Amino acid sequence: MKPSNLFFKINNLIRSFEKFILTYGIIALAALTVGNVISRRAFNYSWTFTEEISQFILVILTFMGISYAIRVGRHIRMSAFYDLMNETAQRIMMIIVSLVTSLILFYLAYHAGLYVLETKHFGRVTPTLMVPFYLIIIWAPIGLFLGGVQYILTFIKNIKGDEAWLSYEEKSDYKDFDVDLPPTDN
C-alpha cells in the first residue's frame, strides 16, 4: 500500500470519527434536554444527571469541533488584511499561520494531556454520576491534537501548492451565497 493511500485512509477514518462524534453528540444533547423537559412537565420529575451529562457532551463537542471546523475551513479568521493581499502573499500568510497555529495547538494538547494525567492521578470524579473526571477532559487533548494535525496538513498543502488553502480540503476563497433581501423604501 502506498503511503499516500494510507494517508487518505487514515484521514477519511478521522473525518468519519469526527462526524460521528459531532452528529450523535448533538442528537444526544437534544434528546437529553427534550427528555428532561418532558419528564419535568409530564411527571413532575427532573432527571438529576441531565446537567452533568450535558456538560460532558458539550466538552466533547467543543474539542472535536475544533478539528472538524479546521478541516472544513469554517473556523473564525480575521481576513481584513488577508483579503487585500495577492494570491502569493495569501499563500505565504497561510503557510505561516497554519504552522504557528499547529505548534500552539500541539503545545496546548501536551499541557491538556498533562492535566488529564494529573486529574487521573488524584482520582477526581464528577459530583452526581461519580464518573472519573479524566474520562471527560481527555477530549481536550484529543481535539487539540487533531486540530494541530489539520493545521499541519494545511501547512503542507500550502507549501506544495501554488494556491492558498484554508485547510487541507478547502481552498481559500469565499463561497457565494444567494441572499434574498427585503425591498428597501428608498
C-alpha atoms as a PDB file:
ATOM      1  CA  MET A   1       0.000   0.000   0.000  1.00  0.00           C
ATOM      2  CA  LYS A   2       1.358   3.418  -0.987  1.00  0.00           C
ATOM      3  CA  PRO A   3       1.942   5.942   1.819  1.00  0.00           C
ATOM      4  CA  SER A   4      -0.465   8.366   0.122  1.00  0.00           C
ATOM      5  CA  ASN A   5      -3.220   5.714   0.084  1.00  0.00           C
ATOM      6  CA  LEU A   6      -2.580   5.017   3.763  1.00  0.00           C
ATOM      7  CA  PHE A   7      -2.725   8.748   4.472  1.00  0.00           C
ATOM      8  CA  PHE A   8      -6.080   9.113   2.695  1.00  0.00           C
ATOM      9  CA  LYS A   9      -7.498   6.114   4.550  1.00  0.00           C
ATOM     10  CA  ILE A  10      -6.373   7.497   7.915  1.00  0.00           C
ATOM     11  CA  ASN A  11      -7.670  10.968   7.036  1.00  0.00           C
ATOM     12  CA  ASN A  12     -11.042   9.529   5.981  1.00  0.00           C
ATOM     13  CA  LEU A  13     -11.201   7.468   9.172  1.00  0.00           C
ATOM     14  CA  ILE A  14     -10.546  10.569  11.298  1.00  0.00           C
ATOM     15  CA  ARG A  15     -13.139  12.563   9.301  1.00  0.00           C
ATOM     16  CA  SER A  16     -15.716   9.806   9.844  1.00  0.00           C
ATOM     17  CA  PHE A  17     -14.894   9.691  13.565  1.00  0.00           C
ATOM     18  CA  GLU A  18     -15.292  13.474  13.870  1.00  0.00           C
ATOM     19  CA  LYS A  19     -18.609  13.447  12.016  1.00  0.00           C
ATOM     20  CA  PHE A  20     -19.887  10.539  14.114  1.00  0.00           C
ATOM     21  CA  ILE A  21     -18.972  12.224  17.414  1.00  0.00           C
ATOM     22  CA  LEU A  22     -20.397  15.598  16.375  1.00  0.00           C
ATOM     23  CA  THR A  23     -23.589  14.240  14.825  1.00  0.00           C
ATOM     24  CA  TYR A  24     -24.533  11.824  17.572  1.00  0.00           C
ATOM     25  CA  GLY A  25     -23.319  14.185  20.293  1.00  0.00           C
ATOM     26  CA  ILE A  26     -25.717  16.892  19.130  1.00  0.00           C
ATOM     27  CA  ILE A  27     -28.544  14.365  18.809  1.00  0.00           C
ATOM     28  CA  ALA A  28     -27.833  13.020  22.307  1.00  0.00           C
ATOM     29  CA  LEU A  29     -27.699  16.524  23.772  1.00  0.00           C
ATOM     30  CA  ALA A  30     -31.015  17.456  22.161  1.00  0.00           C
ATOM     31  CA  ALA A  31     -32.685  14.182  23.200  1.00  0.00           C
ATOM     32  CA  LEU A  32     -31.436  14.531  26.759  1.00  0.00           C
ATOM     33  CA  THR A  33     -32.647  18.110  27.054  1.00  0.00           C
ATOM     34  CA  VAL A  34     -36.049  17.445  25.482  1.00  0.00           C
ATOM     35  CA  GLY A  35     -36.468  14.245  27.503  1.00  0.00           C
ATOM     36  CA  ASN A  36     -35.771  16.097  30.733  1.00  0.00           C
ATOM     37  CA  VAL A  37     -38.276  18.835  29.860  1.00  0.00           C
ATOM     38  CA  ILE A  38     -40.952  16.253  29.055  1.00  0.00           C
ATOM     39  CA  SER A  39     -40.203  14.345  32.263  1.00  0.00           C
ATOM     40  CA  ARG A  40     -40.360  17.515  34.337  1.00  0.00           C
ATOM     41  CA  ARG A  41     -43.615  18.733  32.765  1.00  0.00           C
ATOM     42  CA  ALA A  42     -45.437  15.403  32.439  1.00  0.00           C
ATOM     43  CA  PHE A  43     -44.255  13.591  35.577  1.00  0.00           C
ATOM     44  CA  ASN A  44     -43.039  16.471  37.753  1.00  0.00           C
ATOM     45  CA  TYR A  45     -39.683  14.706  37.931  1.00  0.00           C
ATOM     46  CA  SER A  46     -36.424  16.175  36.672  1.00  0.00           C
ATOM     47  CA  TRP A  47     -33.517  13.955  35.717  1.00  0.00           C
ATOM     48  CA  THR A  48     -30.709  14.865  38.104  1.00  0.00           C
ATOM     49  CA  PHE A  49     -27.991  13.657  35.765  1.00  0.00           C
ATOM     50  CA  THR A  50     -29.052  15.819  32.803  1.00  0.00           C
ATOM     51  CA  GLU A  51     -26.888  18.832  33.596  1.00  0.00           C
ATOM     52  CA  GLU A  52     -23.776  16.756  34.172  1.00  0.00           C
ATOM     53  CA  ILE A  53     -24.152  14.643  31.037  1.00  0.00           C
ATOM     54  CA  SER A  54     -24.937  17.783  29.010  1.00  0.00           C
ATOM     55  CA  GLN A  55     -21.677  19.291  30.237  1.00  0.00           C
ATOM     56  CA  PHE A  56     -19.812  16.112  29.249  1.00  0.00           C
ATOM     57  CA  ILE A  57     -21.314  16.231  25.774  1.00  0.00           C
ATOM     58  CA  LEU A  58     -20.544  19.952  25.365  1.00  0.00           C
ATOM     59  CA  VAL A  59     -16.889  19.363  26.260  1.00  0.00           C
ATOM     60  CA  ILE A  60     -16.683  16.570  23.697  1.00  0.00           C
ATOM     61  CA  LEU A  61     -18.469  18.602  21.002  1.00  0.00           C
ATOM     62  CA  THR A  62     -16.308  21.664  21.628  1.00  0.00           C
ATOM     63  CA  PHE A  63     -12.970  19.917  21.321  1.00  0.00           C
ATOM     64  CA  MET A  64     -13.917  17.576  18.490  1.00  0.00           C
ATOM     65  CA  GLY A  65     -15.464  20.565  16.743  1.00  0.00           C
ATOM     66  CA  ILE A  66     -12.071  22.289  16.689  1.00  0.00           C
ATOM     67  CA  SER A  67     -10.605  19.673  14.397  1.00  0.00           C
ATOM     68  CA  TYR A  68     -13.673  19.432  12.181  1.00  0.00           C
ATOM     69  CA  ALA A  69     -14.000  23.219  11.807  1.00  0.00           C
ATOM     70  CA  ILE A  70     -10.356  23.435  10.760  1.00  0.00           C
ATOM     71  CA  ARG A  71     -10.813  20.522   8.335  1.00  0.00           C
ATOM     72  CA  VAL A  72     -13.707  22.185   6.515  1.00  0.00           C
ATOM     73  CA  GLY A  73     -12.296  25.725   6.741  1.00  0.00           C
ATOM     74  CA  ARG A  74     -15.127  27.046   8.902  1.00  0.00           C
ATOM     75  CA  HIS A  75     -13.106  28.346  11.805  1.00  0.00           C
ATOM     76  CA  ILE A  76     -13.065  32.006  12.760  1.00  0.00           C
ATOM     77  CA  ARG A  77     -10.487  34.004  10.862  1.00  0.00           C
ATOM     78  CA  MET A  78      -9.591  37.652  10.658  1.00  0.00           C
ATOM     79  CA  SER A  79      -9.456  38.305   6.953  1.00  0.00           C
ATOM     80  CA  ALA A  80      -9.417  42.084   6.515  1.00  0.00           C
ATOM     81  CA  PHE A  81      -5.710  42.274   5.608  1.00  0.00           C
ATOM     82  CA  TYR A  82      -5.667  38.813   4.070  1.00  0.00           C
ATOM     83  CA  ASP A  83      -8.348  39.734   1.533  1.00  0.00           C
ATOM     84  CA  LEU A  84      -6.298  42.740   0.374  1.00  0.00           C
ATOM     85  CA  MET A  85      -3.260  40.566  -0.436  1.00  0.00           C
ATOM     86  CA  ASN A  86      -2.460  38.974  -3.759  1.00  0.00           C
ATOM     87  CA  GLU A  87      -2.603  35.183  -4.012  1.00  0.00           C
ATOM     88  CA  THR A  88       1.125  34.639  -3.410  1.00  0.00           C
ATOM     89  CA  ALA A  89       1.051  36.742  -0.248  1.00  0.00           C
ATOM     90  CA  GLN A  90      -2.106  34.925   0.875  1.00  0.00           C
ATOM     91  CA  ARG A  91      -0.371  31.580   0.404  1.00  0.00           C
ATOM     92  CA  ILE A  92       2.689  32.746   2.355  1.00  0.00           C
ATOM     93  CA  MET A  93       0.463  34.060   5.124  1.00  0.00           C
ATOM     94  CA  MET A  94      -1.442  30.744   5.258  1.00  0.00           C
ATOM     95  CA  ILE A  95       1.870  28.871   5.489  1.00  0.00           C
ATOM     96  CA  ILE A  96       2.955  30.980   8.466  1.00  0.00           C
ATOM     97  CA  VAL A  97      -0.446  30.992  10.179  1.00  0.00           C
ATOM     98  CA  SER A  98      -1.020  27.256   9.772  1.00  0.00           C
ATOM     99  CA  LEU A  99       2.458  26.358  11.043  1.00  0.00           C
ATOM    100  CA  VAL A 100       2.294  28.671  14.067  1.00  0.00           C
ATOM    101  CA  THR A 101      -1.268  27.645  14.902  1.00  0.00           C
ATOM    102  CA  SER A 102      -0.408  23.947  14.669  1.00  0.00           C
ATOM    103  CA  LEU A 103       2.515  24.445  17.047  1.00  0.00           C
ATOM    104  CA  ILE A 104       0.258  26.297  19.502  1.00  0.00           C
ATOM    105  CA  LEU A 105      -2.388  23.558  19.314  1.00  0.00           C
ATOM    106  CA  PHE A 106       0.222  20.821  19.864  1.00  0.00           C
ATOM    107  CA  TYR A 107       1.595  22.771  22.841  1.00  0.00           C
ATOM    108  CA  LEU A 108      -1.910  23.127  24.305  1.00  0.00           C
ATOM    109  CA  ALA A 109      -2.625  19.429  23.632  1.00  0.00           C
ATOM    110  CA  TYR A 110       0.549  18.495  25.509  1.00  0.00           C
ATOM    111  CA  HIS A 111      -0.401  20.551  28.554  1.00  0.00           C
ATOM    112  CA  ALA A 112      -4.009  19.373  28.404  1.00  0.00           C
ATOM    113  CA  GLY A 113      -2.673  15.804  28.343  1.00  0.00           C
ATOM    114  CA  LEU A 114      -0.572  16.519  31.433  1.00  0.00           C
ATOM    115  CA  TYR A 115      -3.673  17.892  33.155  1.00  0.00           C
ATOM    116  CA  VAL A 116      -5.624  14.750  32.241  1.00  0.00           C
ATOM    117  CA  LEU A 117      -2.880  12.576  33.763  1.00  0.00           C
ATOM    118  CA  GLU A 118      -2.786  14.727  36.895  1.00  0.00           C
ATOM    119  CA  THR A 119      -6.567  14.551  37.236  1.00  0.00           C
ATOM    120  CA  LYS A 120      -6.453  10.771  36.847  1.00  0.00           C
ATOM    121  CA  HIS A 121      -3.686  10.529  39.443  1.00  0.00           C
ATOM    122  CA  PHE A 122      -5.744  12.422  42.038  1.00  0.00           C
ATOM    123  CA  GLY A 123      -8.860  10.349  41.308  1.00  0.00           C
ATOM    124  CA  ARG A 124     -11.202  13.283  40.802  1.00  0.00           C
ATOM    125  CA  VAL A 125     -14.790  12.304  39.944  1.00  0.00           C
ATOM    126  CA  THR A 126     -17.896  14.188  38.857  1.00  0.00           C
ATOM    127  CA  PRO A 127     -20.329  15.106  41.655  1.00  0.00           C
ATOM    128  CA  THR A 128     -23.542  13.425  40.500  1.00  0.00           C
ATOM    129  CA  LEU A 129     -22.580  10.376  38.463  1.00  0.00           C
ATOM    130  CA  MET A 130     -19.152   9.810  40.040  1.00  0.00           C
ATOM    131  CA  VAL A 131     -17.568   9.412  36.594  1.00  0.00           C
ATOM    132  CA  PRO A 132     -13.774   9.747  36.645  1.00  0.00           C
ATOM    133  CA  PHE A 133     -13.240  13.336  35.527  1.00  0.00           C
ATOM    134  CA  TYR A 134     -10.290  12.476  33.297  1.00  0.00           C
ATOM    135  CA  LEU A 135     -12.627  10.480  31.021  1.00  0.00           C
ATOM    136  CA  ILE A 136     -14.414  13.738  30.226  1.00  0.00           C
ATOM    137  CA  ILE A 137     -11.459  16.077  29.857  1.00  0.00           C
ATOM    138  CA  ILE A 138      -9.427  13.605  27.812  1.00  0.00           C
ATOM    139  CA  TRP A 139     -11.314  15.009  24.814  1.00  0.00           C
ATOM    140  CA  ALA A 140      -9.446  18.319  25.197  1.00  0.00           C
ATOM    141  CA  PRO A 141      -6.001  16.972  24.245  1.00  0.00           C
ATOM    142  CA  ILE A 142      -7.553  14.713  21.588  1.00  0.00           C
ATOM    143  CA  GLY A 143      -9.369  17.616  19.901  1.00  0.00           C
ATOM    144  CA  LEU A 144      -6.409  19.975  20.222  1.00  0.00           C
ATOM    145  CA  PHE A 145      -4.039  17.360  18.802  1.00  0.00           C
ATOM    146  CA  LEU A 146      -6.345  16.604  15.860  1.00  0.00           C
ATOM    147  CA  GLY A 147      -6.674  20.359  15.254  1.00  0.00           C
ATOM    148  CA  GLY A 148      -2.878  20.609  15.195  1.00  0.00           C
ATOM    149  CA  VAL A 149      -2.759  17.766  12.683  1.00  0.00           C
ATOM    150  CA  GLN A 150      -5.276  19.581  10.469  1.00  0.00           C
ATOM    151  CA  TYR A 151      -3.144  22.731  10.521  1.00  0.00           C
ATOM    152  CA  ILE A 152      -0.015  20.723   9.692  1.00  0.00           C
ATOM    153  CA  LEU A 153      -1.897  19.272   6.712  1.00  0.00           C
ATOM    154  CA  THR A 154      -2.895  22.823   5.726  1.00  0.00           C
ATOM    155  CA  PHE A 155       0.752  23.880   6.038  1.00  0.00           C
ATOM    156  CA  ILE A 156       1.848  21.009   3.768  1.00  0.00           C
ATOM    157  CA  LYS A 157      -0.898  21.735   1.225  1.00  0.00           C
ATOM    158  CA  ASN A 158       0.152  25.403   1.040  1.00  0.00           C
ATOM    159  CA  ILE A 159       3.866  24.521   0.774  1.00  0.00           C
ATOM    160  CA  LYS A 160       3.279  22.048  -2.063  1.00  0.00           C
ATOM    161  CA  GLY A 161       0.633  24.005  -3.959  1.00  0.00           C
ATOM    162  CA  ASP A 162       0.622  27.301  -5.762  1.00  0.00           C
ATOM    163  CA  GLU A 163      -2.710  28.485  -4.359  1.00  0.00           C
ATOM    164  CA  ALA A 164      -3.764  29.481  -0.857  1.00  0.00           C
ATOM    165  CA  TRP A 165      -5.723  26.837   1.076  1.00  0.00           C
ATOM    166  CA  LEU A 166      -7.704  27.387   4.295  1.00  0.00           C
ATOM    167  CA  SER A 167      -7.453  23.716   5.145  1.00  0.00           C
ATOM    168  CA  TYR A 168      -6.263  20.529   3.519  1.00  0.00           C
ATOM    169  CA  GLU A 169      -9.688  20.168   1.913  1.00  0.00           C
ATOM    170  CA  GLU A 170     -10.884  23.765   1.404  1.00  0.00           C
ATOM    171  CA  LYS A 171      -9.413  26.359  -0.920  1.00  0.00           C
ATOM    172  CA  SER A 172      -9.038  29.892   0.403  1.00  0.00           C
ATOM    173  CA  ASP A 173     -11.956  31.596  -1.239  1.00  0.00           C
ATOM    174  CA  TYR A 174     -15.381  32.648  -0.168  1.00  0.00           C
ATOM    175  CA  LYS A 175     -18.393  30.723  -1.294  1.00  0.00           C
ATOM    176  CA  ASP A 176     -21.061  32.825  -2.942  1.00  0.00           C
ATOM    177  CA  PHE A 177     -24.384  32.706  -1.183  1.00  0.00           C
ATOM    178  CA  ASP A 178     -27.614  33.985  -2.659  1.00  0.00           C
ATOM    179  CA  VAL A 179     -29.344  36.153  -0.121  1.00  0.00           C
ATOM    180  CA  ASP A 180     -32.871  37.403  -0.640  1.00  0.00           C
ATOM    181  CA  LEU A 181     -33.090  40.817   0.951  1.00  0.00           C
ATOM    182  CA  PRO A 182     -36.386  42.549   1.609  1.00  0.00           C
ATOM    183  CA  PRO A 183     -37.113  45.515  -0.656  1.00  0.00           C
ATOM    184  CA  THR A 184     -35.997  48.887   0.631  1.00  0.00           C
ATOM    185  CA  ASP A 185     -38.147  52.002   0.803  1.00  0.00           C
ATOM    186  CA  ASN A 186     -35.539  54.142  -0.972  1.00  0.00           C
END
